[in-house]
Amino acid sequence: MQHLFNRFRDAAIRFGLTISLKKTEVLLQPVDRLTSIPPVVMAGETALPVHFCYLGSMLLSDANVDEDISSRIAIASYSFGRLAS
């Protein structure tokens, strides 16, 4: 994975493009969740986060929605707090 990311980054640089490290995430799809080790993909000195948010939903390899629901509740609470003030 690191090799593919490095090639992608090098190609982007050749075309004068930059990769947004704020928006770049790693999606892990393991065959066996119990024995899988999350990959460490580095973008220079920065490790990319191993989670994936798509259209506001957290996509997880085990189809568990607990993290997605918690994320949505936090966003709604923040928005409601801003309306109250």
Protein backbone atom coordinates (compact mmCIF):
# COMPACT_ATOMS: atom_id res chain seq x y z
CA MET A 1 0.00 0.00 0.00
CA GLN A 2 2.83 2.38 0.86
CA HIS A 3 4.48 1.72 -2.52
CA LEU A 4 1.24 2.48 -4.40
CA PHE A 5 0.69 5.68 -2.43
CA ASN A 6 4.27 6.81 -3.12
CA ARG A 7 3.78 6.23 -6.85
CA PHE A 8 0.50 8.16 -6.75
CA ARG A 9 2.16 11.05 -4.87
CA ASP A 10 5.08 11.12 -7.33
CA ALA A 11 2.69 11.21 -10.31
CA ALA A 12 0.73 14.05 -8.69
CA ILE A 13 3.92 16.02 -8.16
CA ARG A 14 4.95 15.53 -11.79
CA PHE A 15 1.66 17.09 -12.91
CA GLY A 16 1.95 19.95 -10.41
CA LEU A 17 -0.80 18.62 -8.13
CA THR A 18 -0.82 18.36 -4.36
CA ILE A 19 -2.48 15.76 -2.14
CA SER A 20 -4.63 17.15 0.67
CA LEU A 21 -3.53 15.35 3.84
CA LYS A 22 -6.66 16.60 5.63
CA LYS A 23 -8.87 14.71 3.17
CA THR A 24 -6.76 11.61 2.50
CA GLU A 25 -7.74 8.50 4.48
CA VAL A 26 -7.10 4.76 4.30
CA LEU A 27 -9.98 2.28 3.98
CA LEU A 28 -9.14 -1.15 5.39
CA GLN A 29 -11.10 -4.17 4.13
CA PRO A 30 -9.58 -7.17 5.92
CA VAL A 31 -10.53 -10.76 5.17
CA ASP A 32 -10.34 -11.69 8.85
CA ARG A 33 -10.90 -8.85 11.30
CA LEU A 34 -9.39 -10.70 14.26
CA THR A 35 -5.98 -11.31 12.69
CA SER A 36 -5.68 -8.21 10.51
CA ILE A 37 -3.17 -5.50 11.34
CA PRO A 38 -4.11 -1.95 10.32
CA PRO A 39 -1.68 -0.63 7.71
CA VAL A 40 0.53 2.37 8.36
CA VAL A 41 0.62 4.51 5.22
CA MET A 42 2.88 7.52 5.47
CA ALA A 43 2.57 10.71 3.43
CA GLY A 44 5.99 12.18 4.05
CA GLU A 45 6.17 12.45 7.85
CA THR A 46 2.39 12.18 8.34
CA ALA A 47 0.61 8.87 8.97
CA LEU A 48 -2.73 8.71 7.15
CA PRO A 49 -5.75 7.87 9.33
CA VAL A 50 -7.19 4.36 8.94
CA HIS A 51 -10.89 5.19 8.77
CA PHE A 52 -13.03 6.34 5.92
CA CYS A 53 -15.81 8.92 5.83
CA TYR A 54 -17.94 8.97 2.68
CA LEU A 55 -20.80 11.45 2.27
CA GLY A 56 -20.90 11.96 6.02
CA SER A 57 -21.02 8.25 6.90
CA MET A 58 -18.18 6.37 8.56
CA LEU A 59 -17.49 3.22 6.53
CA LEU A 60 -16.10 0.34 8.55
CA SER A 61 -14.97 -3.05 7.35
CA ASP A 62 -17.20 -4.93 9.82
CA ALA A 63 -20.41 -3.03 8.87
CA ASN A 64 -20.72 -1.77 12.46
CA VAL A 65 -22.62 1.53 12.57
CA ASP A 66 -21.87 2.53 16.18
CA GLU A 67 -19.04 4.90 15.20
CA ASP A 68 -21.18 6.40 12.43
CA ILE A 69 -24.08 7.04 14.80
CA SER A 70 -21.77 8.59 17.41
CA SER A 71 -20.24 10.83 14.75
CA ARG A 72 -23.63 12.00 13.53
CA ILE A 73 -24.84 12.70 17.10
CA ALA A 74 -21.69 14.75 17.77
CA ILE A 75 -22.18 16.78 14.57
CA ALA A 76 -25.86 17.38 15.40
CA SER A 77 -24.99 18.42 18.98
CA TYR A 78 -22.38 20.86 17.72
CA SER A 79 -24.81 22.35 15.19
CA PHE A 80 -27.58 22.64 17.78
CA GLY A 81 -25.17 24.32 20.21
CA ARG A 82 -24.27 26.89 17.59
CA LEU A 83 -27.99 27.62 17.00
CA ALA A 84 -28.66 28.05 20.72
CA SER A 85 -25.97 30.71 21.07
